[in-house]
Amino acid sequence: MLSLTIVVLATLTAGFIVWANDKRHARYGAGLPAGIAVGVAALAWIILMAAGFGYLPGLTWLPWVLPIALGTAAAIAAVVYLGRTRARHDTERLNAVLRS
């Protein structure tokens, strides 16, 4: 369980760093990229541990590094997608309100 705790804390930190570095971070909450990162990382950790990768000599690093990388990538993808779509939707709503 210690490895899951470290994976969750590392991806939580990475999620907050991704949020802080996004120039459109005012469009969505700070917890969203961190939550997505933690969810993906925990799921990847569970799958890798269930597959037995945590106890194979030479592959014990896999359940530590891969979930962190996957969680960070998921947070980046969510931020890129949400930043663009939220900005577009907010602009469309503002234009609709101003026209009426």
PDB file of N, CA and C in Angstrom:
ATOM      1  N   MET A   1       0.806  -1.191   0.000  1.00  0.00           N
ATOM      2  CA  MET A   1       0.000   0.000   0.000  1.00  0.00           C
ATOM      3  C   MET A   1       0.851   1.257   0.000  1.00  0.00           C
ATOM      4  N   LEU A   2       2.083   1.161   0.438  1.00  0.00           N
ATOM      5  CA  LEU A   2       2.951   2.330   0.447  1.00  0.00           C
ATOM      6  C   LEU A   2       3.194   2.830  -0.968  1.00  0.00           C
ATOM      7  N   SER A   3       3.325   1.907  -1.906  1.00  0.00           N
ATOM      8  CA  SER A   3       3.569   2.338  -3.286  1.00  0.00           C
ATOM      9  C   SER A   3       2.359   3.071  -3.856  1.00  0.00           C
ATOM     10  N   LEU A   4       1.148   2.657  -3.487  1.00  0.00           N
ATOM     11  CA  LEU A   4      -0.046   3.370  -3.938  1.00  0.00           C
ATOM     12  C   LEU A   4      -0.097   4.771  -3.341  1.00  0.00           C
ATOM     13  N   THR A   5       0.279   4.908  -2.096  1.00  0.00           N
ATOM     14  CA  THR A   5       0.301   6.223  -1.455  1.00  0.00           C
ATOM     15  C   THR A   5       1.285   7.153  -2.146  1.00  0.00           C
ATOM     16  N   ILE A   6       2.440   6.651  -2.470  1.00  0.00           N
ATOM     17  CA  ILE A   6       3.446   7.475  -3.148  1.00  0.00           C
ATOM     18  C   ILE A   6       2.988   7.840  -4.551  1.00  0.00           C
ATOM     19  N   VAL A   7       2.391   6.893  -5.257  1.00  0.00           N
ATOM     20  CA  VAL A   7       1.878   7.162  -6.603  1.00  0.00           C
ATOM     21  C   VAL A   7       0.787   8.222  -6.546  1.00  0.00           C
ATOM     22  N   VAL A   8      -0.133   8.119  -5.595  1.00  0.00           N
ATOM     23  CA  VAL A   8      -1.223   9.096  -5.476  1.00  0.00           C
ATOM     24  C   VAL A   8      -0.680  10.478  -5.139  1.00  0.00           C
ATOM     25  N   LEU A   9       0.240  10.561  -4.191  1.00  0.00           N
ATOM     26  CA  LEU A   9       0.798  11.867  -3.823  1.00  0.00           C
ATOM     27  C   LEU A   9       1.598  12.488  -4.966  1.00  0.00           C
ATOM     28  N   ALA A  10       2.348  11.682  -5.689  1.00  0.00           N
ATOM     29  CA  ALA A  10       3.142  12.212  -6.809  1.00  0.00           C
ATOM     30  C   ALA A  10       2.245  12.703  -7.939  1.00  0.00           C
ATOM     31  N   THR A  11       1.192  11.962  -8.249  1.00  0.00           N
ATOM     32  CA  THR A  11       0.306  12.402  -9.331  1.00  0.00           C
ATOM     33  C   THR A  11      -0.578  13.561  -8.890  1.00  0.00           C
ATOM     34  N   LEU A  12      -0.911  13.624  -7.627  1.00  0.00           N
ATOM     35  CA  LEU A  12      -1.650  14.773  -7.112  1.00  0.00           C
ATOM     36  C   LEU A  12      -0.821  16.046  -7.281  1.00  0.00           C
ATOM     37  N   THR A  13       0.437  15.950  -6.936  1.00  0.00           N
ATOM     38  CA  THR A  13       1.348  17.084  -7.114  1.00  0.00           C
ATOM     39  C   THR A  13       1.486  17.443  -8.587  1.00  0.00           C
ATOM     40  N   ALA A  14       1.632  16.444  -9.427  1.00  0.00           N
ATOM     41  CA  ALA A  14       1.754  16.701 -10.872  1.00  0.00           C
ATOM     42  C   ALA A  14       0.491  17.347 -11.421  1.00  0.00           C
ATOM     43  N   GLY A  15      -0.670  16.932 -10.952  1.00  0.00           N
ATOM     44  CA  GLY A  15      -1.929  17.524 -11.390  1.00  0.00           C
ATOM     45  C   GLY A  15      -2.034  18.994 -11.020  1.00  0.00           C
ATOM     46  N   PHE A  16      -1.599  19.343  -9.811  1.00  0.00           N
ATOM     47  CA  PHE A  16      -1.613  20.745  -9.404  1.00  0.00           C
ATOM     48  C   PHE A  16      -0.589  21.563 -10.179  1.00  0.00           C
ATOM     49  N   ILE A  17       0.536  20.967 -10.494  1.00  0.00           N
ATOM     50  CA  ILE A  17       1.548  21.673 -11.296  1.00  0.00           C
ATOM     51  C   ILE A  17       1.033  21.910 -12.707  1.00  0.00           C
ATOM     52  N   VAL A  18       0.366  20.924 -13.274  1.00  0.00           N
ATOM     53  CA  VAL A  18      -0.221  21.088 -14.615  1.00  0.00           C
ATOM     54  C   VAL A  18      -1.248  22.212 -14.589  1.00  0.00           C
ATOM     55  N   TRP A  19      -2.095  22.244 -13.557  1.00  0.00           N
ATOM     56  CA  TRP A  19      -3.098  23.301 -13.448  1.00  0.00           C
ATOM     57  C   TRP A  19      -2.438  24.677 -13.330  1.00  0.00           C
ATOM     58  N   ALA A  20      -1.405  24.771 -12.522  1.00  0.00           N
ATOM     59  CA  ALA A  20      -0.747  26.064 -12.300  1.00  0.00           C
ATOM     60  C   ALA A  20      -0.046  26.575 -13.548  1.00  0.00           C
ATOM     61  N   ASN A  21       0.413  25.695 -14.393  1.00  0.00           N
ATOM     62  CA  ASN A  21       1.129  26.106 -15.599  1.00  0.00           C
ATOM     63  C   ASN A  21       0.223  26.374 -16.792  1.00  0.00           C
ATOM     64  N   ASP A  22      -1.071  26.112 -16.650  1.00  0.00           N
ATOM     65  CA  ASP A  22      -1.994  26.364 -17.742  1.00  0.00           C
ATOM     66  C   ASP A  22      -2.424  27.823 -17.719  1.00  0.00           C
ATOM     67  N   LYS A  23      -2.353  28.483 -18.868  1.00  0.00           N
ATOM     68  CA  LYS A  23      -2.713  29.899 -18.904  1.00  0.00           C
ATOM     69  C   LYS A  23      -4.215  30.111 -18.820  1.00  0.00           C
ATOM     70  N   ARG A  24      -5.005  29.074 -19.044  1.00  0.00           N
ATOM     71  CA  ARG A  24      -6.466  29.175 -18.952  1.00  0.00           C
ATOM     72  C   ARG A  24      -6.999  28.511 -17.681  1.00  0.00           C
ATOM     73  N   HIS A  25      -6.205  28.453 -16.631  1.00  0.00           N
ATOM     74  CA  HIS A  25      -6.626  27.703 -15.452  1.00  0.00           C
ATOM     75  C   HIS A  25      -7.771  28.365 -14.687  1.00  0.00           C
ATOM     76  N   ALA A  26      -8.129  29.563 -15.034  1.00  0.00           N
ATOM     77  CA  ALA A  26      -9.276  30.203 -14.384  1.00  0.00           C
ATOM     78  C   ALA A  26     -10.602  29.656 -14.914  1.00  0.00           C
ATOM     79  N   ARG A  27     -10.555  28.902 -15.977  1.00  0.00           N
ATOM     80  CA  ARG A  27     -11.773  28.365 -16.598  1.00  0.00           C
ATOM     81  C   ARG A  27     -12.314  27.125 -15.894  1.00  0.00           C
ATOM     82  N   TYR A  28     -11.501  26.450 -15.096  1.00  0.00           N
ATOM     83  CA  TYR A  28     -11.937  25.241 -14.406  1.00  0.00           C
ATOM     84  C   TYR A  28     -11.244  25.196 -13.051  1.00  0.00           C
ATOM     85  N   GLY A  29     -11.696  24.337 -12.199  1.00  0.00           N
ATOM     86  CA  GLY A  29     -11.180  24.269 -10.840  1.00  0.00           C
ATOM     87  C   GLY A  29      -9.796  23.661 -10.739  1.00  0.00           C
ATOM     88  N   ALA A  30      -9.118  23.987  -9.660  1.00  0.00           N
ATOM     89  CA  ALA A  30      -7.760  23.497  -9.438  1.00  0.00           C
ATOM     90  C   ALA A  30      -7.725  21.998  -9.175  1.00  0.00           C
ATOM     91  N   GLY A  31      -8.803  21.468  -8.637  1.00  0.00           N
ATOM     92  CA  GLY A  31      -8.829  20.049  -8.315  1.00  0.00           C
ATOM     93  C   GLY A  31      -9.113  19.134  -9.481  1.00  0.00           C
ATOM     94  N   LEU A  32      -9.568  19.688 -10.590  1.00  0.00           N
ATOM     95  CA  LEU A  32      -9.945  18.844 -11.722  1.00  0.00           C
ATOM     96  C   LEU A  32      -8.758  18.096 -12.333  1.00  0.00           C
ATOM     97  N   PRO A  33      -7.681  18.767 -12.743  1.00  0.00           N
ATOM     98  CA  PRO A  33      -6.554  18.000 -13.295  1.00  0.00           C
ATOM     99  C   PRO A  33      -5.921  17.080 -12.260  1.00  0.00           C
ATOM    100  N   ALA A  34      -5.872  17.519 -11.015  1.00  0.00           N
ATOM    101  CA  ALA A  34      -5.299  16.670  -9.970  1.00  0.00           C
ATOM    102  C   ALA A  34      -6.158  15.434  -9.740  1.00  0.00           C
ATOM    103  N   GLY A  35      -7.467  15.607  -9.747  1.00  0.00           N
ATOM    104  CA  GLY A  35      -8.367  14.466  -9.565  1.00  0.00           C
ATOM    105  C   GLY A  35      -8.299  13.476 -10.712  1.00  0.00           C
ATOM    106  N   ILE A  36      -8.222  14.000 -11.931  1.00  0.00           N
ATOM    107  CA  ILE A  36      -8.097  13.126 -13.094  1.00  0.00           C
ATOM    108  C   ILE A  36      -6.778  12.369 -13.042  1.00  0.00           C
ATOM    109  N   ALA A  37      -5.708  13.064 -12.675  1.00  0.00           N
ATOM    110  CA  ALA A  37      -4.395  12.421 -12.586  1.00  0.00           C
ATOM    111  C   ALA A  37      -4.394  11.312 -11.540  1.00  0.00           C
ATOM    112  N   VAL A  38      -4.969  11.582 -10.388  1.00  0.00           N
ATOM    113  CA  VAL A  38      -5.005  10.576  -9.319  1.00  0.00           C
ATOM    114  C   VAL A  38      -5.878   9.389  -9.716  1.00  0.00           C
ATOM    115  N   GLY A  39      -7.005   9.650 -10.321  1.00  0.00           N
ATOM    116  CA  GLY A  39      -7.885   8.556 -10.739  1.00  0.00           C
ATOM    117  C   GLY A  39      -7.229   7.633 -11.749  1.00  0.00           C
ATOM    118  N   VAL A  40      -6.599   8.219 -12.751  1.00  0.00           N
ATOM    119  CA  VAL A  40      -5.932   7.412 -13.780  1.00  0.00           C
ATOM    120  C   VAL A  40      -4.755   6.654 -13.183  1.00  0.00           C
ATOM    121  N   ALA A  41      -3.978   7.312 -12.344  1.00  0.00           N
ATOM    122  CA  ALA A  41      -2.812   6.660 -11.743  1.00  0.00           C
ATOM    123  C   ALA A  41      -3.221   5.519 -10.818  1.00  0.00           C
ATOM    124  N   ALA A  42      -4.239   5.733 -10.006  1.00  0.00           N
ATOM    125  CA  ALA A  42      -4.687   4.672  -9.100  1.00  0.00           C
ATOM    126  C   ALA A  42      -5.227   3.475  -9.878  1.00  0.00           C
ATOM    127  N   LEU A  43      -5.976   3.747 -10.933  1.00  0.00           N
ATOM    128  CA  LEU A  43      -6.496   2.658 -11.760  1.00  0.00           C
ATOM    129  C   LEU A  43      -5.357   1.899 -12.442  1.00  0.00           C
ATOM    130  N   ALA A  44      -4.377   2.612 -12.962  1.00  0.00           N
ATOM    131  CA  ALA A  44      -3.233   1.952 -13.595  1.00  0.00           C
ATOM    132  C   ALA A  44      -2.445   1.136 -12.572  1.00  0.00           C
ATOM    133  N   TRP A  45      -2.281   1.673 -11.363  1.00  0.00           N
ATOM    134  CA  TRP A  45      -1.561   0.947 -10.310  1.00  0.00           C
ATOM    135  C   TRP A  45      -2.295  -0.339  -9.956  1.00  0.00           C
ATOM    136  N   ILE A  46      -3.610  -0.258  -9.812  1.00  0.00           N
ATOM    137  CA  ILE A  46      -4.405  -1.440  -9.469  1.00  0.00           C
ATOM    138  C   ILE A  46      -4.295  -2.497 -10.562  1.00  0.00           C
ATOM    139  N   ILE A  47      -4.374  -2.065 -11.806  1.00  0.00           N
ATOM    140  CA  ILE A  47      -4.273  -3.017 -12.925  1.00  0.00           C
ATOM    141  C   ILE A  47      -2.892  -3.662 -12.964  1.00  0.00           C
ATOM    142  N   LEU A  48      -1.849  -2.868 -12.788  1.00  0.00           N
ATOM    143  CA  LEU A  48      -0.489  -3.417 -12.827  1.00  0.00           C
ATOM    144  C   LEU A  48      -0.224  -4.352 -11.649  1.00  0.00           C
ATOM    145  N   MET A  49      -0.726  -4.007 -10.472  1.00  0.00           N
ATOM    146  CA  MET A  49      -0.518  -4.886  -9.318  1.00  0.00           C
ATOM    147  C   MET A  49      -1.321  -6.183  -9.464  1.00  0.00           C
ATOM    148  N   ALA A  50      -2.532  -6.078 -10.020  1.00  0.00           N
ATOM    149  CA  ALA A  50      -3.340  -7.283 -10.226  1.00  0.00           C
ATOM    150  C   ALA A  50      -2.710  -8.191 -11.277  1.00  0.00           C
ATOM    151  N   ALA A  51      -2.002  -7.579 -12.230  1.00  0.00           N
ATOM    152  CA  ALA A  51      -1.327  -8.369 -13.262  1.00  0.00           C
ATOM    153  C   ALA A  51      -0.026  -8.981 -12.752  1.00  0.00           C
ATOM    154  N   GLY A  52       0.402  -8.589 -11.558  1.00  0.00           N
ATOM    155  CA  GLY A  52       1.584  -9.185 -10.962  1.00  0.00           C
ATOM    156  C   GLY A  52       2.885  -8.478 -11.255  1.00  0.00           C
ATOM    157  N   PHE A  53       2.828  -7.283 -11.788  1.00  0.00           N
ATOM    158  CA  PHE A  53       4.066  -6.578 -12.124  1.00  0.00           C
ATOM    159  C   PHE A  53       4.791  -6.016 -10.911  1.00  0.00           C
ATOM    160  N   GLY A  54       4.143  -5.955  -9.764  1.00  0.00           N
ATOM    161  CA  GLY A  54       4.778  -5.412  -8.579  1.00  0.00           C
ATOM    162  C   GLY A  54       5.772  -6.349  -7.939  1.00  0.00           C
ATOM    163  N   TYR A  55       5.748  -7.601  -8.325  1.00  0.00           N
ATOM    164  CA  TYR A  55       6.580  -8.588  -7.656  1.00  0.00           C
ATOM    165  C   TYR A  55       7.525  -9.321  -8.599  1.00  0.00           C
ATOM    166  N   LEU A  56       7.695  -8.816  -9.802  1.00  0.00           N
ATOM    167  CA  LEU A  56       8.607  -9.430 -10.754  1.00  0.00           C
ATOM    168  C   LEU A  56       9.972  -8.770 -10.653  1.00  0.00           C
ATOM    169  N   PRO A  57      11.028  -9.548 -10.475  1.00  0.00           N
ATOM    170  CA  PRO A  57      12.360  -8.952 -10.398  1.00  0.00           C
ATOM    171  C   PRO A  57      12.696  -8.200 -11.688  1.00  0.00           C
ATOM    172  N   GLY A  58      13.169  -7.006 -11.539  1.00  0.00           N
ATOM    173  CA  GLY A  58      13.508  -6.179 -12.685  1.00  0.00           C
ATOM    174  C   GLY A  58      12.359  -5.321 -13.175  1.00  0.00           C
ATOM    175  N   LEU A  59      11.141  -5.646 -12.780  1.00  0.00           N
ATOM    176  CA  LEU A  59       9.973  -4.867 -13.201  1.00  0.00           C
ATOM    177  C   LEU A  59       9.238  -4.234 -12.024  1.00  0.00           C
ATOM    178  N   THR A  60       9.848  -4.184 -10.862  1.00  0.00           N
ATOM    179  CA  THR A  60       9.179  -3.595  -9.705  1.00  0.00           C
ATOM    180  C   THR A  60       9.005  -2.083  -9.848  1.00  0.00           C
ATOM    181  N   TRP A  61       9.744  -1.459 -10.735  1.00  0.00           N
ATOM    182  CA  TRP A  61       9.606  -0.015 -10.969  1.00  0.00           C
ATOM    183  C   TRP A  61       8.354   0.306 -11.775  1.00  0.00           C
ATOM    184  N   LEU A  62       7.857  -0.673 -12.526  1.00  0.00           N
ATOM    185  CA  LEU A  62       6.732  -0.429 -13.430  1.00  0.00           C
ATOM    186  C   LEU A  62       5.475   0.093 -12.719  1.00  0.00           C
ATOM    187  N   PRO A  63       5.032  -0.503 -11.589  1.00  0.00           N
ATOM    188  CA  PRO A  63       3.850   0.047 -10.922  1.00  0.00           C
ATOM    189  C   PRO A  63       4.105   1.384 -10.221  1.00  0.00           C
ATOM    190  N   TRP A  64       5.343   1.827 -10.159  1.00  0.00           N
ATOM    191  CA  TRP A  64       5.656   3.120  -9.549  1.00  0.00           C
ATOM    192  C   TRP A  64       5.718   4.225 -10.597  1.00  0.00           C
ATOM    193  N   VAL A  65       6.381   3.966 -11.695  1.00  0.00           N
ATOM    194  CA  VAL A  65       6.641   5.016 -12.684  1.00  0.00           C
ATOM    195  C   VAL A  65       5.513   5.141 -13.707  1.00  0.00           C
ATOM    196  N   LEU A  66       5.042   4.042 -14.231  1.00  0.00           N
ATOM    197  CA  LEU A  66       4.022   4.087 -15.285  1.00  0.00           C
ATOM    198  C   LEU A  66       2.721   4.763 -14.841  1.00  0.00           C
ATOM    199  N   PRO A  67       2.189   4.468 -13.653  1.00  0.00           N
ATOM    200  CA  PRO A  67       0.969   5.181 -13.245  1.00  0.00           C
ATOM    201  C   PRO A  67       1.167   6.687 -13.087  1.00  0.00           C
ATOM    202  N   ILE A  68       2.325   7.098 -12.605  1.00  0.00           N
ATOM    203  CA  ILE A  68       2.595   8.531 -12.466  1.00  0.00           C
ATOM    204  C   ILE A  68       2.651   9.186 -13.840  1.00  0.00           C
ATOM    205  N   ALA A  69       3.306   8.532 -14.777  1.00  0.00           N
ATOM    206  CA  ALA A  69       3.387   9.081 -16.140  1.00  0.00           C
ATOM    207  C   ALA A  69       2.014   9.118 -16.805  1.00  0.00           C
ATOM    208  N   LEU A  70       1.228   8.060 -16.640  1.00  0.00           N
ATOM    209  CA  LEU A  70      -0.115   8.027 -17.234  1.00  0.00           C
ATOM    210  C   LEU A  70      -1.029   9.073 -16.602  1.00  0.00           C
ATOM    211  N   GLY A  71      -0.957   9.229 -15.294  1.00  0.00           N
ATOM    212  CA  GLY A  71      -1.775  10.221 -14.612  1.00  0.00           C
ATOM    213  C   GLY A  71      -1.425  11.639 -15.023  1.00  0.00           C
ATOM    214  N   THR A  72      -0.137  11.917 -15.152  1.00  0.00           N
ATOM    215  CA  THR A  72       0.291  13.242 -15.584  1.00  0.00           C
ATOM    216  C   THR A  72      -0.140  13.509 -17.016  1.00  0.00           C
ATOM    217  N   ALA A  73      -0.002  12.516 -17.877  1.00  0.00           N
ATOM    218  CA  ALA A  73      -0.440  12.674 -19.271  1.00  0.00           C
ATOM    219  C   ALA A  73      -1.952  12.896 -19.353  1.00  0.00           C
ATOM    220  N   ALA A  74      -2.712  12.201 -18.531  1.00  0.00           N
ATOM    221  CA  ALA A  74      -4.168  12.393 -18.519  1.00  0.00           C
ATOM    222  C   ALA A  74      -4.529  13.791 -18.036  1.00  0.00           C
ATOM    223  N   ALA A  75      -3.818  14.291 -17.043  1.00  0.00           N
ATOM    224  CA  ALA A  75      -4.075  15.656 -16.555  1.00  0.00           C
ATOM    225  C   ALA A  75      -3.756  16.683 -17.632  1.00  0.00           C
ATOM    226  N   ILE A  76      -2.667  16.484 -18.347  1.00  0.00           N
ATOM    227  CA  ILE A  76      -2.303  17.405 -19.432  1.00  0.00           C
ATOM    228  C   ILE A  76      -3.355  17.366 -20.533  1.00  0.00           C
ATOM    229  N   ALA A  77      -3.783  16.173 -20.898  1.00  0.00           N
ATOM    230  CA  ALA A  77      -4.807  16.048 -21.952  1.00  0.00           C
ATOM    231  C   ALA A  77      -6.118  16.700 -21.522  1.00  0.00           C
ATOM    232  N   ALA A  78      -6.509  16.521 -20.279  1.00  0.00           N
ATOM    233  CA  ALA A  78      -7.743  17.131 -19.784  1.00  0.00           C
ATOM    234  C   ALA A  78      -7.649  18.647 -19.777  1.00  0.00           C
ATOM    235  N   VAL A  79      -6.501  19.168 -19.376  1.00  0.00           N
ATOM    236  CA  VAL A  79      -6.308  20.619 -19.334  1.00  0.00           C
ATOM    237  C   VAL A  79      -6.336  21.214 -20.735  1.00  0.00           C
ATOM    238  N   VAL A  80      -5.688  20.562 -21.676  1.00  0.00           N
ATOM    239  CA  VAL A  80      -5.687  21.063 -23.053  1.00  0.00           C
ATOM    240  C   VAL A  80      -7.101  21.046 -23.619  1.00  0.00           C
ATOM    241  N   TYR A  81      -7.814  19.955 -23.416  1.00  0.00           N
ATOM    242  CA  TYR A  81      -9.172  19.846 -23.944  1.00  0.00           C
ATOM    243  C   TYR A  81     -10.118  20.828 -23.253  1.00  0.00           C
ATOM    244  N   LEU A  82     -10.105  20.837 -21.939  1.00  0.00           N
ATOM    245  CA  LEU A  82     -11.039  21.686 -21.203  1.00  0.00           C
ATOM    246  C   LEU A  82     -10.732  23.166 -21.376  1.00  0.00           C
ATOM    247  N   GLY A  83      -9.471  23.513 -21.442  1.00  0.00           N
ATOM    248  CA  GLY A  83      -9.112  24.912 -21.625  1.00  0.00           C
ATOM    249  C   GLY A  83      -9.645  25.464 -22.932  1.00  0.00           C
ATOM    250  N   ARG A  84      -9.531  24.698 -23.978  1.00  0.00           N
ATOM    251  CA  ARG A  84     -10.022  25.144 -25.292  1.00  0.00           C
ATOM    252  C   ARG A  84     -11.544  25.173 -25.355  1.00  0.00           C
ATOM    253  N   THR A  85     -12.179  24.094 -24.932  1.00  0.00           N
ATOM    254  CA  THR A  85     -13.634  24.019 -25.059  1.00  0.00           C
ATOM    255  C   THR A  85     -14.338  24.973 -24.103  1.00  0.00           C
ATOM    256  N   ARG A  86     -13.842  25.107 -22.882  1.00  0.00           N
ATOM    257  CA  ARG A  86     -14.480  26.032 -21.942  1.00  0.00           C
ATOM    258  C   ARG A  86     -14.356  27.470 -22.420  1.00  0.00           C
ATOM    259  N   ALA A  87     -13.206  27.832 -22.954  1.00  0.00           N
ATOM    260  CA  ALA A  87     -13.034  29.200 -23.462  1.00  0.00           C
ATOM    261  C   ALA A  87     -13.991  29.468 -24.621  1.00  0.00           C
ATOM    262  N   ARG A  88     -14.130  28.502 -25.510  1.00  0.00           N
ATOM    263  CA  ARG A  88     -15.033  28.663 -26.648  1.00  0.00           C
ATOM    264  C   ARG A  88     -16.491  28.746 -26.196  1.00  0.00           C
ATOM    265  N   HIS A  89     -16.895  27.857 -25.281  1.00  0.00           N
ATOM    266  CA  HIS A  89     -18.270  27.867 -24.795  1.00  0.00           C
ATOM    267  C   HIS A  89     -18.580  29.148 -24.011  1.00  0.00           C
ATOM    268  N   ASP A  90     -17.631  29.614 -23.213  1.00  0.00           N
ATOM    269  CA  ASP A  90     -17.848  30.851 -22.466  1.00  0.00           C
ATOM    270  C   ASP A  90     -18.003  32.043 -23.405  1.00  0.00           C
ATOM    271  N   THR A  91     -17.206  32.072 -24.473  1.00  0.00           N
ATOM    272  CA  THR A  91     -17.314  33.154 -25.449  1.00  0.00           C
ATOM    273  C   THR A  91     -18.651  33.097 -26.176  1.00  0.00           C
ATOM    274  N   GLU A  92     -19.090  31.901 -26.552  1.00  0.00           N
ATOM    275  CA  GLU A  92     -20.395  31.759 -27.210  1.00  0.00           C
ATOM    276  C   GLU A  92     -21.540  32.188 -26.300  1.00  0.00           C
ATOM    277  N   ARG A  93     -21.481  31.818 -25.031  1.00  0.00           N
ATOM    278  CA  ARG A  93     -22.524  32.227 -24.092  1.00  0.00           C
ATOM    279  C   ARG A  93     -22.532  33.730 -23.886  1.00  0.00           C
ATOM    280  N   LEU A  94     -21.364  34.325 -23.769  1.00  0.00           N
ATOM    281  CA  LEU A  94     -21.269  35.765 -23.593  1.00  0.00           C
ATOM    282  C   LEU A  94     -21.827  36.496 -24.811  1.00  0.00           C
ATOM    283  N   ASN A  95     -21.498  36.027 -26.004  1.00  0.00           N
ATOM    284  CA  ASN A  95     -22.027  36.638 -27.225  1.00  0.00           C
ATOM    285  C   ASN A  95     -23.543  36.495 -27.306  1.00  0.00           C
ATOM    286  N   ALA A  96     -24.075  35.347 -26.906  1.00  0.00           N
ATOM    287  CA  ALA A  96     -25.524  35.137 -26.923  1.00  0.00           C
ATOM    288  C   ALA A  96     -26.232  36.070 -25.938  1.00  0.00           C
ATOM    289  N   VAL A  97     -25.652  36.265 -24.783  1.00  0.00           N
ATOM    290  CA  VAL A  97     -26.240  37.152 -23.788  1.00  0.00           C
ATOM    291  C   VAL A  97     -26.174  38.590 -24.263  1.00  0.00           C
ATOM    292  N   LEU A  98     -25.070  38.978 -24.865  1.00  0.00           N
ATOM    293  CA  LEU A  98     -24.924  40.351 -25.330  1.00  0.00           C
ATOM    294  C   LEU A  98     -25.830  40.668 -26.524  1.00  0.00           C
ATOM    295  N   ARG A  99     -26.135  39.669 -27.327  1.00  0.00           N
ATOM    296  CA  ARG A  99     -27.020  39.879 -28.479  1.00  0.00           C
ATOM    297  C   ARG A  99     -28.481  40.021 -28.085  1.00  0.00           C
ATOM    298  N   SER A 100     -28.861  39.401 -26.991  1.00  0.00           N
ATOM    299  CA  SER A 100     -30.284  39.433 -26.611  1.00  0.00           C
ATOM    300  C   SER A 100     -30.620  40.589 -25.704  1.00  0.00           C
TER     301      SER A 100
END
